[in-house]
Amino acid sequence: MKKQNVALGFIVLISATLFLSWMLLPTGEDSESSLEDVGFWAYQIQGIDDDGAVDQLAASYYDMLVIEPTRSDKDSMDFDTQGAVSQLHASSGANLESKIVVAYIDIGEAEDWRWYWEENWTAPTETTIGVPDFLISIDPDGWEGNYPVAFWDDRWKDLILYDSESSIQQIIDDGFDGIYMDWIEAYEHEPVAEAADIAGLDSQQEMIDFITEIRTYCKAQDPDFLVIAQNALDIYEGNTEYFDVIDAVAQEHILFDGVADSEWGETGSGDTRIPESGEEGYSTHWYTEKLDRYIAEGKTVFVVDYATSSANVAEAYAFSASHGYIGFVTQVALSQLPTTIPPNYPS
């Protein structure tokens, strides 16, 4: 976050920010109406710059697409993300004349292929923090090149939010309708939580505050901008103001999971059934119990399961529909649209 050098300017800035937060925070109702007609959604965060990938997404009947912004990837910075978003907006879904296009963003982990990763940075290891020192640890699920961060650090907030070329500012400039925030669960990752505790901070509250800042920043530029949270369903416990700063929630692997870094079509790309109950934070019963609260709060619920067998795909879609979720079934690579389509999807 940029610091003001002039005291008066600082006071004015803080006053304006607090006023804007008060005006924009309460319910998110201005955005929820745009989700009411979404019947089908899809999620692809790799291969957007492959030949024909955007054309295939545009030709689909998914009402909402969550996609990789692409030009934030150091190897694809020349990709015309704005043009891709415009093309997708010009296409219709099953229920919407113009698709809703939402950008994936990891707010709790640094990714070493992003525009912001500098040559002099050093990745953390299992036993040491990285350089800069907001790089706390390695990804606990085995995703290569992903590093949980001290997300409350002003340097990280600048890269994600406040710099003029920040990841979120790029997303806004490219015309996306919203963001789909991953790794909110950073707040409960043990090395991150310990770093917050050493700094005298409550990591759970810091994450909610960070999302509040993100919402305020985005809504100031586009009041209809969508703020969608993935996973970390229990963050609201003891902090119910969380419901006021998101427009929708998404949860992975309600029934079926896969192996990190699996390629499309590999054996580990899906069909791993998760426990039905008994495991805190990773069981079908736990997810549905938490999601009941989001539904009670009037939030749209998106679910993505990872499965390839026709029986598992059908089961996942039926389960989501029976619980009031908008389901999508794909593979963990998230690198193309699956050929297994939802029930009642237009042919």
Protein backbone atom coordinates (compact mmCIF):
# COMPACT_ATOMS: atom_id res chain seq x y z
CA MET A 1 0.00 0.00 0.00
CA LYS A 2 1.44 3.36 -0.99
CA LYS A 3 2.26 5.74 1.84
CA GLN A 4 1.38 9.43 1.71
CA ASN A 5 4.17 11.90 2.43
CA VAL A 6 1.91 14.80 3.34
CA ALA A 7 -0.02 14.51 6.58
CA LEU A 8 -3.11 16.28 5.28
CA GLY A 9 -3.16 14.14 2.17
CA PHE A 10 -2.92 11.02 4.32
CA ILE A 11 -5.89 12.12 6.45
CA VAL A 12 -7.98 12.90 3.37
CA LEU A 13 -7.09 9.56 1.80
CA ILE A 14 -7.99 7.57 4.91
CA SER A 15 -11.24 9.50 5.38
CA ALA A 16 -12.23 8.88 1.77
CA THR A 17 -11.33 5.21 2.01
CA LEU A 18 -13.36 4.71 5.18
CA PHE A 19 -16.33 6.49 3.67
CA LEU A 20 -16.08 4.41 0.51
CA SER A 21 -15.80 1.22 2.57
CA TRP A 22 -18.94 2.19 4.50
CA MET A 23 -20.79 2.88 1.28
CA LEU A 24 -19.72 -0.31 -0.48
CA LEU A 25 -19.32 -2.93 2.21
CA PRO A 26 -22.77 -3.84 3.46
CA THR A 27 -24.23 -6.61 1.32
CA GLY A 28 -22.92 -6.93 -2.21
CA GLU A 29 -26.50 -6.91 -3.50
CA ASP A 30 -25.49 -4.76 -6.47
CA SER A 31 -23.49 -7.71 -7.87
CA GLU A 32 -25.59 -10.69 -6.83
CA SER A 33 -28.33 -9.89 -9.34
CA SER A 34 -25.90 -10.63 -12.20
CA LEU A 35 -25.50 -14.18 -10.90
CA GLU A 36 -29.19 -15.00 -10.62
CA ASP A 37 -29.53 -16.37 -14.14
CA VAL A 38 -26.31 -18.39 -14.23
CA GLY A 39 -27.27 -21.99 -14.93
CA PHE A 40 -23.93 -23.27 -16.18
CA TRP A 41 -20.37 -22.25 -15.40
CA ALA A 42 -16.90 -23.39 -16.44
CA TYR A 43 -13.40 -23.01 -15.05
CA GLN A 44 -10.21 -22.96 -17.17
CA ILE A 45 -6.93 -21.46 -15.97
CA GLN A 46 -4.42 -23.01 -18.35
CA GLY A 47 -4.10 -22.95 -22.11
CA ILE A 48 -6.17 -19.81 -22.68
CA ASP A 49 -3.53 -18.61 -25.16
CA ASP A 50 -3.55 -21.89 -27.12
CA ASP A 51 -4.84 -21.64 -30.68
CA GLY A 52 -8.64 -21.80 -30.69
CA ALA A 53 -9.02 -21.85 -26.90
CA VAL A 54 -10.89 -18.54 -26.65
CA ASP A 55 -13.00 -19.48 -29.67
CA GLN A 56 -14.02 -22.71 -27.94
CA LEU A 57 -14.95 -20.85 -24.76
CA ALA A 58 -16.96 -18.33 -26.78
CA ALA A 59 -18.79 -21.10 -28.63
CA SER A 60 -19.78 -22.79 -25.36
CA TYR A 61 -23.10 -22.25 -23.60
CA TYR A 62 -21.65 -21.64 -20.16
CA ASP A 63 -23.17 -18.50 -18.66
CA MET A 64 -20.14 -17.74 -16.50
CA LEU A 65 -16.50 -18.44 -17.26
CA VAL A 66 -13.67 -18.33 -14.74
CA ILE A 67 -10.44 -18.00 -16.70
CA GLU A 68 -6.76 -17.23 -16.30
CA PRO A 69 -6.00 -13.54 -17.06
CA THR A 70 -2.99 -14.87 -19.05
CA ARG A 71 -1.04 -11.63 -19.60
CA SER A 72 -0.02 -11.77 -15.94
CA ASP A 73 2.01 -14.86 -16.90
CA LYS A 74 5.61 -13.78 -17.65
CA ASP A 75 5.66 -16.01 -20.73
CA SER A 76 2.41 -14.60 -22.14
CA MET A 77 2.55 -10.90 -21.34
CA ASP A 78 1.82 -10.00 -24.96
CA PHE A 79 -1.43 -11.96 -24.96
CA ASP A 80 -4.46 -9.78 -25.74
CA THR A 81 -6.45 -10.53 -22.61
CA GLN A 82 -8.70 -7.53 -23.16
CA GLY A 83 -9.55 -8.78 -26.64
CA ALA A 84 -10.29 -12.25 -25.29
CA VAL A 85 -12.62 -10.85 -22.65
CA SER A 86 -14.39 -8.73 -25.26
CA GLN A 87 -14.84 -11.78 -27.50
CA LEU A 88 -16.31 -13.77 -24.63
CA HIS A 89 -18.62 -10.92 -23.66
CA ALA A 90 -19.89 -10.86 -27.24
CA SER A 91 -20.96 -14.51 -26.93
CA SER A 92 -24.03 -15.80 -25.15
CA GLY A 93 -24.59 -18.54 -22.61
CA ALA A 94 -27.55 -20.80 -22.16
CA ASN A 95 -29.37 -18.20 -20.08
CA LEU A 96 -27.47 -14.96 -20.65
CA GLU A 97 -27.07 -12.89 -23.80
CA SER A 98 -23.56 -11.92 -22.68
CA LYS A 99 -21.34 -14.29 -20.74
CA ILE A 100 -20.06 -13.27 -17.32
CA VAL A 101 -16.25 -13.41 -17.47
CA VAL A 102 -14.37 -13.69 -14.19
CA ALA A 103 -10.60 -13.68 -13.64
CA TYR A 104 -8.81 -16.24 -11.51
CA ILE A 105 -6.38 -14.75 -9.00
CA ASP A 106 -4.34 -16.32 -6.21
CA ILE A 107 -4.37 -13.83 -3.33
CA GLY A 108 -2.70 -16.06 -0.76
CA GLU A 109 0.23 -17.51 -2.70
CA ALA A 110 2.96 -16.08 -4.90
CA GLU A 111 3.40 -17.89 -8.20
CA ASP A 112 6.89 -17.89 -9.69
CA TRP A 113 5.65 -17.49 -13.28
CA ARG A 114 3.77 -14.24 -12.64
CA TRP A 115 4.79 -10.81 -13.86
CA TYR A 116 5.79 -9.72 -10.36
CA TRP A 117 8.31 -12.51 -9.65
CA GLU A 118 11.76 -10.93 -9.93
CA GLU A 119 15.04 -12.65 -10.79
CA ASN A 120 16.57 -11.81 -7.42
CA TRP A 121 13.72 -13.45 -5.48
CA THR A 122 14.50 -16.70 -3.67
CA ALA A 123 11.79 -19.29 -3.18
CA PRO A 124 11.16 -20.56 0.33
CA THR A 125 11.83 -24.18 1.29
CA GLU A 126 10.30 -26.52 3.84
CA THR A 127 12.56 -25.03 6.52
CA THR A 128 13.39 -21.46 5.39
CA ILE A 129 11.44 -18.41 4.33
CA GLY A 130 12.19 -16.84 0.97
CA VAL A 131 13.38 -13.49 -0.31
CA PRO A 132 11.47 -11.18 -0.07
CA ASP A 133 10.58 -12.38 3.40
CA PHE A 134 6.83 -12.30 2.75
CA LEU A 135 7.41 -15.60 0.89
CA ILE A 136 6.68 -17.92 3.82
CA SER A 137 6.61 -21.57 2.71
CA ILE A 138 5.97 -24.09 -0.05
CA ASP A 139 2.53 -25.17 -1.21
CA PRO A 140 1.30 -27.94 1.12
CA ASP A 141 -0.65 -29.72 -1.64
CA GLY A 142 2.29 -30.12 -4.00
CA TRP A 143 1.60 -27.41 -6.56
CA GLU A 144 5.01 -26.52 -7.98
CA GLY A 145 6.02 -22.85 -8.02
CA ASN A 146 3.32 -21.79 -5.52
CA TYR A 147 4.37 -20.20 -2.24
CA PRO A 148 2.07 -19.13 0.62
CA VAL A 149 2.71 -15.52 1.59
CA ALA A 150 2.33 -13.08 4.45
CA PHE A 151 -0.66 -11.61 2.65
CA TRP A 152 -0.96 -8.72 5.12
CA ASP A 153 2.45 -7.39 4.04
CA ASP A 154 2.15 -4.04 2.25
CA ARG A 155 4.59 -5.19 -0.44
CA TRP A 156 2.30 -8.10 -1.32
CA LYS A 157 -0.78 -5.90 -1.25
CA ASP A 158 0.89 -3.50 -3.66
CA LEU A 159 1.61 -6.29 -6.16
CA ILE A 160 -1.87 -7.77 -5.96
CA LEU A 161 -3.92 -4.62 -5.50
CA TYR A 162 -2.52 -1.13 -5.07
CA ASP A 163 0.19 -0.64 -7.71
CA SER A 164 -1.00 0.96 -10.95
CA GLU A 165 -0.09 -2.26 -12.79
CA SER A 166 -1.14 -4.62 -10.00
CA SER A 167 -2.67 -7.98 -10.84
CA ILE A 168 -6.16 -6.79 -9.93
CA GLN A 169 -5.78 -3.47 -11.73
CA GLN A 170 -4.80 -5.39 -14.87
CA ILE A 171 -7.94 -7.50 -14.44
CA ILE A 172 -10.13 -4.41 -14.13
CA ASP A 173 -8.42 -2.71 -17.07
CA ASP A 174 -8.98 -5.80 -19.23
CA GLY A 175 -12.73 -5.63 -18.67
CA PHE A 176 -13.38 -8.67 -16.48
CA ASP A 177 -16.67 -8.76 -14.58
CA GLY A 178 -15.05 -9.91 -11.37
CA ILE A 179 -12.41 -11.97 -9.64
CA TYR A 180 -12.32 -15.55 -8.39
CA MET A 181 -9.99 -15.56 -5.39
CA ASP A 182 -7.95 -18.64 -4.64
CA TRP A 183 -5.95 -19.61 -1.55
CA ILE A 184 -7.95 -17.65 0.94
CA GLU A 185 -7.04 -20.58 3.18
CA ALA A 186 -3.56 -19.07 3.50
CA TYR A 187 -4.75 -17.63 6.81
CA GLU A 188 -4.97 -21.12 8.36
CA HIS A 189 -1.80 -22.57 6.78
CA GLU A 190 0.38 -23.19 9.83
CA PRO A 191 3.59 -21.39 8.73
CA VAL A 192 1.57 -18.35 7.66
CA ALA A 193 -0.51 -18.33 10.83
CA GLU A 194 2.69 -18.56 12.90
CA ALA A 195 4.22 -15.63 11.01
CA ALA A 196 1.10 -13.57 11.69
CA ASP A 197 1.20 -14.50 15.36
CA ILE A 198 4.84 -13.42 15.63
CA ALA A 199 3.82 -10.09 14.09
CA GLY A 200 1.04 -9.77 16.67
CA LEU A 201 -1.70 -10.29 14.09
CA ASP A 202 -4.78 -12.49 13.80
CA SER A 203 -4.36 -14.18 10.42
CA GLN A 204 -8.07 -14.88 10.02
CA GLN A 205 -9.01 -11.26 10.59
CA GLU A 206 -6.15 -10.10 8.37
CA MET A 207 -7.51 -12.19 5.47
CA ILE A 208 -11.02 -10.80 5.91
CA ASP A 209 -9.56 -7.30 6.06
CA PHE A 210 -7.55 -7.98 2.88
CA ILE A 211 -10.65 -9.16 1.01
CA THR A 212 -12.49 -6.09 2.30
CA GLU A 213 -9.73 -3.89 0.85
CA ILE A 214 -9.95 -5.78 -2.44
CA ARG A 215 -13.71 -5.33 -2.57
CA THR A 216 -13.49 -1.63 -1.79
CA TYR A 217 -10.82 -1.06 -4.43
CA CYS A 218 -12.71 -2.93 -7.15
CA LYS A 219 -16.16 -1.55 -6.37
CA ALA A 220 -14.81 1.99 -6.48
CA GLN A 221 -14.06 1.44 -10.17
CA ASP A 222 -17.01 -0.79 -11.01
CA PRO A 223 -19.91 -1.07 -8.54
CA ASP A 224 -21.07 -4.28 -10.26
CA PHE A 225 -17.69 -5.99 -10.00
CA LEU A 226 -18.02 -9.52 -8.61
CA VAL A 227 -15.94 -10.78 -5.70
CA ILE A 228 -16.06 -14.58 -5.57
CA ALA A 229 -14.21 -16.63 -2.95
CA GLN A 230 -12.94 -20.18 -3.45
CA ASN A 231 -12.62 -22.64 -0.53
CA ALA A 232 -11.80 -21.67 3.11
CA LEU A 233 -15.48 -22.12 3.92
CA ASP A 234 -15.10 -21.81 7.69
CA ILE A 235 -13.45 -18.39 7.64
CA TYR A 236 -16.80 -16.84 8.60
CA GLU A 237 -16.80 -18.55 12.02
CA GLY A 238 -16.49 -15.80 14.59
CA ASN A 239 -16.26 -13.28 11.73
CA THR A 240 -19.66 -13.15 10.06
CA GLU A 241 -18.80 -9.81 8.44
CA TYR A 242 -17.16 -12.03 5.83
CA PHE A 243 -20.55 -12.61 4.23
CA ASP A 244 -20.75 -8.88 3.53
CA VAL A 245 -17.58 -8.75 1.44
CA ILE A 246 -18.15 -11.59 -1.03
CA ASP A 247 -20.81 -11.96 -3.72
CA ALA A 248 -20.56 -15.73 -4.12
CA VAL A 249 -18.55 -18.70 -2.92
CA ALA A 250 -17.00 -21.66 -4.71
CA GLN A 251 -15.77 -24.96 -3.34
CA GLU A 252 -13.60 -27.60 -4.93
CA HIS A 253 -13.96 -31.38 -4.68
CA ILE A 254 -17.22 -31.84 -2.85
CA LEU A 255 -17.21 -35.48 -3.98
CA PHE A 256 -14.17 -36.05 -6.21
CA ASP A 257 -10.59 -34.76 -6.11
CA GLY A 258 -7.40 -35.27 -8.10
CA VAL A 259 -3.62 -35.05 -7.78
CA ALA A 260 -1.80 -31.69 -7.89
CA ASP A 261 0.03 -30.92 -11.15
CA SER A 262 -1.68 -33.78 -13.04
CA GLU A 263 -1.89 -33.27 -16.77
CA TRP A 264 -5.18 -33.46 -18.64
CA GLY A 265 -6.15 -37.09 -19.19
CA GLU A 266 -3.70 -38.56 -16.67
CA THR A 267 -4.88 -41.09 -14.11
CA GLY A 268 -4.57 -38.60 -11.23
CA SER A 269 -6.63 -35.93 -12.96
CA GLY A 270 -9.79 -36.85 -11.04
CA ASP A 271 -12.07 -39.58 -9.68
CA THR A 272 -10.50 -39.72 -6.21
CA ARG A 273 -13.50 -39.92 -3.90
CA ILE A 274 -13.11 -37.80 -0.79
CA PRO A 275 -14.29 -39.01 2.65
CA GLU A 276 -18.03 -38.81 3.15
CA SER A 277 -17.63 -37.62 6.72
CA GLY A 278 -15.30 -37.55 9.69
CA GLU A 279 -12.48 -35.39 8.34
CA GLU A 280 -12.38 -31.75 9.43
CA GLY A 281 -12.11 -29.50 6.41
CA TYR A 282 -12.03 -32.32 3.86
CA SER A 283 -15.22 -34.35 3.67
CA THR A 284 -18.49 -34.15 1.81
CA HIS A 285 -20.45 -33.69 5.02
CA TRP A 286 -18.19 -30.88 6.24
CA TYR A 287 -18.46 -29.00 2.94
CA THR A 288 -22.23 -29.29 2.70
CA GLU A 289 -22.70 -28.29 6.33
CA LYS A 290 -20.65 -25.11 5.79
CA LEU A 291 -22.24 -24.33 2.43
CA ASP A 292 -25.70 -24.49 4.03
CA ARG A 293 -24.75 -21.31 5.89
CA TYR A 294 -23.72 -19.53 2.69
CA ILE A 295 -27.03 -20.45 1.07
CA ALA A 296 -28.86 -19.19 4.15
CA GLU A 297 -26.97 -15.91 3.72
CA GLY A 298 -28.24 -15.67 0.13
CA LYS A 299 -24.91 -16.41 -1.55
CA THR A 300 -24.66 -18.21 -4.87
CA VAL A 301 -22.67 -21.43 -4.46
CA PHE A 302 -20.44 -22.79 -7.23
CA VAL A 303 -18.90 -26.25 -6.95
CA VAL A 304 -16.16 -27.84 -9.05
CA ASP A 305 -15.54 -31.57 -8.84
CA TYR A 306 -12.71 -33.42 -10.56
CA ALA A 307 -13.91 -36.56 -12.31
CA THR A 308 -13.64 -38.27 -15.69
CA SER A 309 -15.71 -41.45 -15.46
CA SER A 310 -19.26 -41.00 -16.72
CA ALA A 311 -20.72 -42.43 -13.50
CA ASN A 312 -18.73 -40.05 -11.27
CA VAL A 313 -19.49 -37.06 -13.48
CA ALA A 314 -23.21 -37.82 -13.35
CA GLU A 315 -23.09 -38.33 -9.58
CA ALA A 316 -21.29 -35.03 -9.02
CA TYR A 317 -23.73 -33.03 -11.13
CA ALA A 318 -26.73 -34.68 -9.46
CA PHE A 319 -25.31 -34.03 -6.00
CA SER A 320 -24.74 -30.33 -6.71
CA ALA A 321 -28.20 -29.89 -8.17
CA SER A 322 -29.85 -31.60 -5.20
CA HIS A 323 -28.14 -29.20 -2.78
CA GLY A 324 -28.77 -25.99 -4.70
CA TYR A 325 -25.22 -25.61 -6.00
CA ILE A 326 -24.21 -24.70 -9.55
CA GLY A 327 -21.90 -27.59 -10.37
CA PHE A 328 -19.08 -28.06 -12.85
CA VAL A 329 -17.09 -31.25 -13.39
CA THR A 330 -13.65 -31.12 -14.99
CA GLN A 331 -10.06 -32.28 -14.40
CA VAL A 332 -7.51 -30.80 -11.99
CA ALA A 333 -5.36 -29.48 -14.85
CA LEU A 334 -8.15 -26.99 -15.71
CA SER A 335 -6.54 -26.68 -19.13
CA GLN A 336 -9.54 -27.15 -21.43
CA LEU A 337 -13.27 -27.59 -21.43
CA PRO A 338 -14.37 -31.14 -20.62
CA THR A 339 -16.37 -33.21 -23.09
CA THR A 340 -18.55 -34.38 -20.20
CA ILE A 341 -21.26 -31.72 -20.10
CA PRO A 342 -23.82 -30.87 -17.42
CA PRO A 343 -27.40 -32.19 -17.57
CA ASN A 344 -29.69 -30.00 -19.67
CA TYR A 345 -26.71 -28.27 -21.26
CA PRO A 346 -27.74 -27.09 -24.78
CA SER A 347 -26.60 -29.41 -27.54
